[in-house]
Amino acid sequence: MESLKKNQDYQRVYQNGKSCAGPLLVLYALKKEDQEDTRAGISVSKKVGNSIVRHRLKRQLKEILRLHGHEIHGGYDLAVIARNRAKGRTYQELERALLHLAAVQNLLDQKQSGNSQQKHSTEAES
């Protein structure tokens, strides 16, 4: 999964994309007809915390997107915004929140997400 790099890409997603908000994260999604790959960008405001806290959140969210990127339909630009309440949350809580927002926006491939949930539950039982 590629990343959004330019400010104009973020602005386009914010202005034209659909948003879905939860207590920890906000997810903006914009369908791009001219691209096959999904691109994602992560934004963590200075209001959330100092640089250590912000970078930790970004690393966790980036890893969640890396592991679950194959479950997301292709051709989308995504912008993930961490809210203040995301500070200090566990990886599993962030993962659950992001996957929930992606499911609400119908971004997840049902076959892939079902296999992933099954895989994670068997790993947790071990």
C-alpha atoms as a PDB file:
ATOM      1  CA  MET A   1       0.000   0.000   0.000  1.00  0.00           C
ATOM      2  CA  GLU A   2       1.406   3.327  -1.055  1.00  0.00           C
ATOM      3  CA  SER A   3       1.147   6.477   1.015  1.00  0.00           C
ATOM      4  CA  LEU A   4      -0.345   9.897   0.374  1.00  0.00           C
ATOM      5  CA  LYS A   5       2.516  12.364   0.250  1.00  0.00           C
ATOM      6  CA  LYS A   6       1.330  15.689  -1.110  1.00  0.00           C
ATOM      7  CA  ASN A   7      -0.828  18.201   0.710  1.00  0.00           C
ATOM      8  CA  GLN A   8      -3.095  18.489  -2.335  1.00  0.00           C
ATOM      9  CA  ASP A   9      -3.763  14.719  -2.159  1.00  0.00           C
ATOM     10  CA  TYR A  10      -4.852  15.040   1.468  1.00  0.00           C
ATOM     11  CA  GLN A  11      -6.988  18.086   0.667  1.00  0.00           C
ATOM     12  CA  ARG A  12      -8.720  16.256  -2.181  1.00  0.00           C
ATOM     13  CA  VAL A  13      -9.568  13.339   0.127  1.00  0.00           C
ATOM     14  CA  TYR A  14     -10.833  15.673   2.878  1.00  0.00           C
ATOM     15  CA  GLN A  15     -12.993  17.729   0.517  1.00  0.00           C
ATOM     16  CA  ASN A  16     -14.364  15.027  -1.796  1.00  0.00           C
ATOM     17  CA  GLY A  17     -14.131  11.830   0.247  1.00  0.00           C
ATOM     18  CA  LYS A  18     -16.617  10.245   2.595  1.00  0.00           C
ATOM     19  CA  SER A  19     -15.786  10.444   6.272  1.00  0.00           C
ATOM     20  CA  CYS A  20     -16.561   8.098   9.096  1.00  0.00           C
ATOM     21  CA  ALA A  21     -15.663   8.930  12.688  1.00  0.00           C
ATOM     22  CA  GLY A  22     -15.180   6.850  15.790  1.00  0.00           C
ATOM     23  CA  PRO A  23     -13.999   7.743  19.264  1.00  0.00           C
ATOM     24  CA  LEU A  24     -10.337   7.056  18.412  1.00  0.00           C
ATOM     25  CA  LEU A  25      -9.992   7.672  14.675  1.00  0.00           C
ATOM     26  CA  VAL A  26     -11.537   9.430  11.698  1.00  0.00           C
ATOM     27  CA  LEU A  27     -11.330   7.744   8.288  1.00  0.00           C
ATOM     28  CA  TYR A  28     -11.763   9.597   5.004  1.00  0.00           C
ATOM     29  CA  ALA A  29     -12.070   7.506   1.823  1.00  0.00           C
ATOM     30  CA  LEU A  30     -12.132   8.703  -1.767  1.00  0.00           C
ATOM     31  CA  LYS A  31     -12.684   6.282  -4.657  1.00  0.00           C
ATOM     32  CA  LYS A  32     -10.196   6.865  -7.483  1.00  0.00           C
ATOM     33  CA  GLU A  33     -11.331   5.399 -10.790  1.00  0.00           C
ATOM     34  CA  ASP A  34      -7.954   5.935 -12.466  1.00  0.00           C
ATOM     35  CA  GLN A  35      -5.831   3.946 -10.006  1.00  0.00           C
ATOM     36  CA  GLU A  36      -5.762   0.318  -8.917  1.00  0.00           C
ATOM     37  CA  ASP A  37      -3.712   0.621  -5.750  1.00  0.00           C
ATOM     38  CA  THR A  38      -4.989   2.021  -2.503  1.00  0.00           C
ATOM     39  CA  ARG A  39      -2.985   4.851  -0.976  1.00  0.00           C
ATOM     40  CA  ALA A  40      -3.188   5.832   2.677  1.00  0.00           C
ATOM     41  CA  GLY A  41      -2.022   8.787   4.720  1.00  0.00           C
ATOM     42  CA  ILE A  42      -1.925   9.158   8.487  1.00  0.00           C
ATOM     43  CA  SER A  43      -2.323  12.440  10.314  1.00  0.00           C
ATOM     44  CA  VAL A  44      -1.700  12.958  14.017  1.00  0.00           C
ATOM     45  CA  SER A  45      -2.113  16.502  15.325  1.00  0.00           C
ATOM     46  CA  LYS A  46       0.183  18.126  17.861  1.00  0.00           C
ATOM     47  CA  LYS A  47      -2.883  18.294  20.109  1.00  0.00           C
ATOM     48  CA  VAL A  48      -2.599  14.522  20.565  1.00  0.00           C
ATOM     49  CA  GLY A  49       0.770  14.691  22.294  1.00  0.00           C
ATOM     50  CA  ASN A  50       4.473  15.246  21.944  1.00  0.00           C
ATOM     51  CA  SER A  51       6.488  13.853  19.039  1.00  0.00           C
ATOM     52  CA  ILE A  52       7.119  10.530  20.776  1.00  0.00           C
ATOM     53  CA  VAL A  53       3.399   9.909  21.253  1.00  0.00           C
ATOM     54  CA  ARG A  54       2.523  11.081  17.734  1.00  0.00           C
ATOM     55  CA  HIS A  55       5.160   8.942  16.037  1.00  0.00           C
ATOM     56  CA  ARG A  56       4.197   5.882  18.080  1.00  0.00           C
ATOM     57  CA  LEU A  57       0.594   6.274  16.931  1.00  0.00           C
ATOM     58  CA  LYS A  58       1.697   6.743  13.319  1.00  0.00           C
ATOM     59  CA  ARG A  59       3.887   3.631  13.459  1.00  0.00           C
ATOM     60  CA  GLN A  60       1.059   1.562  14.924  1.00  0.00           C
ATOM     61  CA  LEU A  61      -1.480   2.774  12.356  1.00  0.00           C
ATOM     62  CA  LYS A  62       1.003   2.256   9.516  1.00  0.00           C
ATOM     63  CA  GLU A  63       1.573  -1.329  10.653  1.00  0.00           C
ATOM     64  CA  ILE A  64      -2.179  -1.970  10.863  1.00  0.00           C
ATOM     65  CA  LEU A  65      -2.586  -0.693   7.307  1.00  0.00           C
ATOM     66  CA  ARG A  66       0.368  -2.800   6.156  1.00  0.00           C
ATOM     67  CA  LEU A  67      -1.052  -5.986   7.653  1.00  0.00           C
ATOM     68  CA  HIS A  68      -4.637  -5.384   6.545  1.00  0.00           C
ATOM     69  CA  GLY A  69      -3.987  -3.569   3.268  1.00  0.00           C
ATOM     70  CA  HIS A  70      -4.831  -6.663   1.232  1.00  0.00           C
ATOM     71  CA  GLU A  71      -8.329  -6.667   2.784  1.00  0.00           C
ATOM     72  CA  ILE A  72      -9.151  -3.170   1.514  1.00  0.00           C
ATOM     73  CA  HIS A  73     -10.636  -2.778  -1.960  1.00  0.00           C
ATOM     74  CA  GLY A  74      -8.229  -1.275  -4.485  1.00  0.00           C
ATOM     75  CA  GLY A  75      -8.492   2.184  -5.983  1.00  0.00           C
ATOM     76  CA  TYR A  76      -9.031   4.277  -2.854  1.00  0.00           C
ATOM     77  CA  ASP A  77      -7.216   7.178  -1.269  1.00  0.00           C
ATOM     78  CA  LEU A  78      -7.526   6.969   2.514  1.00  0.00           C
ATOM     79  CA  ALA A  79      -6.735   9.528   5.174  1.00  0.00           C
ATOM     80  CA  VAL A  80      -6.626   8.324   8.781  1.00  0.00           C
ATOM     81  CA  ILE A  81      -6.749  10.959  11.495  1.00  0.00           C
ATOM     82  CA  ALA A  82      -5.922  10.023  15.075  1.00  0.00           C
ATOM     83  CA  ARG A  83      -8.052  11.707  17.697  1.00  0.00           C
ATOM     84  CA  ASN A  84      -6.825  12.765  21.115  1.00  0.00           C
ATOM     85  CA  ARG A  85      -8.448   9.721  22.738  1.00  0.00           C
ATOM     86  CA  ALA A  86      -6.223   7.411  20.646  1.00  0.00           C
ATOM     87  CA  LYS A  87      -3.280   8.403  22.833  1.00  0.00           C
ATOM     88  CA  GLY A  88      -2.264   5.550  25.115  1.00  0.00           C
ATOM     89  CA  ARG A  89      -4.542   2.961  23.482  1.00  0.00           C
ATOM     90  CA  THR A  90      -3.262  -0.511  22.733  1.00  0.00           C
ATOM     91  CA  TYR A  91      -2.425  -1.758  19.273  1.00  0.00           C
ATOM     92  CA  GLN A  92      -5.456  -4.075  19.367  1.00  0.00           C
ATOM     93  CA  GLU A  93      -7.814  -1.206  20.213  1.00  0.00           C
ATOM     94  CA  LEU A  94      -6.470   0.881  17.319  1.00  0.00           C
ATOM     95  CA  GLU A  95      -6.679  -2.100  14.976  1.00  0.00           C
ATOM     96  CA  ARG A  96     -10.286  -2.786  15.980  1.00  0.00           C
ATOM     97  CA  ALA A  97     -11.209   0.890  15.544  1.00  0.00           C
ATOM     98  CA  LEU A  98      -9.616   1.195  12.091  1.00  0.00           C
ATOM     99  CA  LEU A  99     -11.096  -2.051  10.779  1.00  0.00           C
ATOM    100  CA  HIS A 100     -14.517  -1.052  12.115  1.00  0.00           C
ATOM    101  CA  LEU A 101     -14.388   2.288  10.278  1.00  0.00           C
ATOM    102  CA  ALA A 102     -13.236   0.541   7.095  1.00  0.00           C
ATOM    103  CA  ALA A 103     -16.129  -1.927   7.393  1.00  0.00           C
ATOM    104  CA  VAL A 104     -18.653   0.882   7.937  1.00  0.00           C
ATOM    105  CA  GLN A 105     -17.444   2.500   4.710  1.00  0.00           C
ATOM    106  CA  ASN A 106     -17.642  -0.864   2.879  1.00  0.00           C
ATOM    107  CA  LEU A 107     -13.928  -0.829   2.114  1.00  0.00           C
ATOM    108  CA  LEU A 108     -13.206  -4.372   3.258  1.00  0.00           C
ATOM    109  CA  ASP A 109     -13.270  -7.422   1.034  1.00  0.00           C
ATOM    110  CA  GLN A 110     -15.585  -9.779   2.948  1.00  0.00           C
ATOM    111  CA  LYS A 111     -13.658 -12.951   2.070  1.00  0.00           C
ATOM    112  CA  GLN A 112     -10.325 -11.480   3.113  1.00  0.00           C
ATOM    113  CA  SER A 113     -11.578  -9.860   6.324  1.00  0.00           C
ATOM    114  CA  GLY A 114     -13.295 -13.085   7.403  1.00  0.00           C
ATOM    115  CA  ASN A 115     -10.079 -15.050   6.951  1.00  0.00           C
ATOM    116  CA  SER A 116      -8.118 -12.382   8.780  1.00  0.00           C
ATOM    117  CA  GLN A 117     -10.492 -12.331  11.760  1.00  0.00           C
ATOM    118  CA  GLN A 118     -10.356 -16.116  11.913  1.00  0.00           C
ATOM    119  CA  LYS A 119      -6.549 -16.060  11.732  1.00  0.00           C
ATOM    120  CA  HIS A 120      -6.257 -13.460  14.508  1.00  0.00           C
ATOM    121  CA  SER A 121      -8.673 -15.313  16.799  1.00  0.00           C
ATOM    122  CA  THR A 122      -6.739 -18.592  16.444  1.00  0.00           C
ATOM    123  CA  GLU A 123      -3.472 -16.759  17.154  1.00  0.00           C
ATOM    124  CA  ALA A 124      -4.986 -15.215  20.288  1.00  0.00           C
ATOM    125  CA  GLU A 125      -6.127 -18.633  21.533  1.00  0.00           C
ATOM    126  CA  SER A 126      -2.626 -20.116  21.169  1.00  0.00           C
END
